[in-house]
Protein backbone atom coordinates (compact mmCIF):
# COMPACT_ATOMS: atom_id res chain seq x y z
CA MET A 1 0.00 0.00 0.00
CA GLU A 2 2.94 2.29 0.66
CA ARG A 3 3.78 2.35 -3.04
CA PHE A 4 0.56 4.26 -3.69
CA SER A 5 1.39 7.06 -1.23
CA TYR A 6 2.16 9.66 -3.90
CA LEU A 7 -0.96 8.71 -5.88
CA GLY A 8 -3.00 8.96 -2.69
CA VAL A 9 -1.86 12.51 -2.08
CA LEU A 10 -2.66 13.41 -5.69
CA ALA A 11 -6.11 11.84 -5.42
CA PHE A 12 -6.76 13.87 -2.28
CA ILE A 13 -5.77 17.06 -4.12
CA VAL A 14 -8.09 16.33 -7.06
CA VAL A 15 -11.03 15.17 -4.92
CA GLY A 16 -10.51 17.99 -2.42
CA SER A 17 -10.88 20.61 -5.13
CA GLY A 18 -12.75 18.68 -7.83
CA TRP A 19 -16.12 19.17 -6.20
CA LEU A 20 -15.81 22.89 -6.98
CA GLU A 21 -16.35 22.15 -10.66
CA PHE A 22 -19.81 20.79 -9.94
CA GLY A 23 -20.73 22.47 -6.66
CA LEU A 24 -19.94 26.00 -7.79
CA ARG A 25 -20.13 25.43 -11.56
CA THR A 26 -16.65 26.78 -12.25
CA LYS A 27 -16.74 25.44 -15.85
CA VAL A 28 -13.02 24.63 -15.88
CA LEU A 29 -13.64 21.27 -17.55
CA ARG A 30 -15.77 22.94 -20.23
CA ARG A 31 -12.76 25.09 -21.10
CA GLY A 32 -10.31 22.20 -21.25
CA ARG A 33 -8.43 23.60 -24.22
CA ARG A 34 -7.64 26.76 -22.27
CA PHE A 35 -6.40 24.70 -19.33
CA VAL A 36 -4.20 22.49 -21.51
CA LEU A 37 -2.72 25.47 -23.36
CA SER A 38 -1.88 27.21 -20.11
CA VAL A 39 -0.42 24.19 -18.34
CA ALA A 40 1.36 22.32 -21.17
CA PRO A 41 4.40 24.63 -21.43
CA VAL A 42 4.92 24.54 -17.68
CA VAL A 43 4.56 20.75 -17.55
CA ALA A 44 7.10 20.37 -20.35
CA LEU A 45 9.56 22.69 -18.62
CA PHE A 46 9.27 20.92 -15.27
CA LEU A 47 9.60 17.47 -16.85
CA VAL A 48 12.86 18.57 -18.47
CA TRP A 49 13.98 20.06 -15.17
CA ASP A 50 13.11 16.84 -13.32
CA ALA A 51 14.94 14.71 -15.90
CA TYR A 52 18.03 16.90 -15.58
CA ALA A 53 17.95 16.92 -11.78
CA ILE A 54 17.53 13.14 -11.64
CA ALA A 55 20.36 12.59 -14.13
CA GLN A 56 22.65 14.87 -12.10
CA GLY A 57 21.73 13.16 -8.84
CA HIS A 58 20.17 16.30 -7.36
CA TRP A 59 17.09 14.39 -6.30
CA THR A 60 15.41 11.03 -6.48
CA PHE A 61 11.99 9.53 -5.91
CA ASP A 62 11.44 6.86 -3.28
CA PRO A 63 10.62 3.68 -5.21
CA GLN A 64 8.70 2.36 -2.19
CA ARG A 65 6.23 5.25 -2.44
CA THR A 66 5.70 5.23 -6.21
CA THR A 67 4.19 2.64 -8.52
CA GLY A 68 7.38 2.15 -10.51
CA ALA A 69 5.83 3.35 -13.78
CA THR A 70 7.85 6.12 -15.40
CA VAL A 71 7.38 8.61 -18.22
CA GLY A 72 11.04 8.30 -19.14
CA ALA A 73 14.33 9.58 -17.73
CA GLY A 74 13.45 8.09 -14.34
CA ILE A 75 10.50 10.41 -13.80
CA PRO A 76 7.65 8.56 -12.06
CA ILE A 77 4.19 8.82 -13.60
CA GLU A 78 3.05 10.33 -10.32
CA GLU A 79 5.28 13.34 -10.95
CA LEU A 80 3.57 14.00 -14.29
CA ILE A 81 0.19 13.67 -12.60
CA PHE A 82 1.39 16.11 -9.93
CA PHE A 83 2.22 18.67 -12.61
CA LEU A 84 -1.37 18.36 -13.88
CA ALA A 85 -3.30 17.89 -10.62
CA VAL A 86 -1.87 20.82 -8.67
CA PRO A 87 -2.51 23.44 -11.41
CA PHE A 88 -5.97 21.92 -11.93
CA ALA A 89 -6.73 22.36 -8.21
CA ALA A 90 -5.35 25.91 -8.30
CA VAL A 91 -7.43 26.89 -11.33
CA LEU A 92 -10.54 25.33 -9.79
CA SER A 93 -9.93 27.27 -6.58
CA LEU A 94 -9.44 30.54 -8.44
CA GLU A 95 -12.54 29.99 -10.56
CA ALA A 96 -14.55 29.07 -7.45
CA VAL A 97 -13.58 32.32 -5.76
CA ARG A 98 -14.42 34.21 -8.95
CA SER A 99 -17.79 32.46 -9.10
CA VAL A 100 -18.69 33.25 -5.51
CA ARG A 101 -17.37 36.82 -5.54
CA GLY A 102 -18.59 37.68 -9.03
CA TRP A 103 -15.13 38.75 -10.16
CA THR A 104 -14.44 39.14 -13.85
CA ILE A 105 -11.13 38.98 -15.67
CA GLY A 106 -12.19 40.24 -19.06
CA ASP A 107 -12.80 37.02 -20.94
CA GLU A 108 -16.48 36.77 -20.14
CA PRO A 109 -18.99 37.31 -22.93
CA PRO A 110 -20.46 40.81 -22.94
CA GLU A 111 -23.70 41.14 -21.02
CA GLU A 112 -26.76 41.84 -23.09
CA ALA A 113 -28.46 45.19 -22.55
CA PRO A 114 -31.87 44.99 -20.83
């Protein structure tokens, strides 16, 4: 069970914030393309950084707390999921606050005149 520790933390992050999508209708999943376009460059950068750091011996991942599946260069699959789950939770949280507070950021459709 210990080998699923990292996945367990990631599941907690997604479940802990995932309800916001449905409970507060944040519509993050409906704008999936926007999410992917904003996160993909960062994910790519951090995967390269991780690969470099692992190759140089700067850090490692405990094989007893990961599943053993990798995305290459010794990077556990859980690390890739981390790079997706944490920004997803952050975006959901931001959109939930916006929804409750009524904040706009300029990308909303114009309101129709009464």
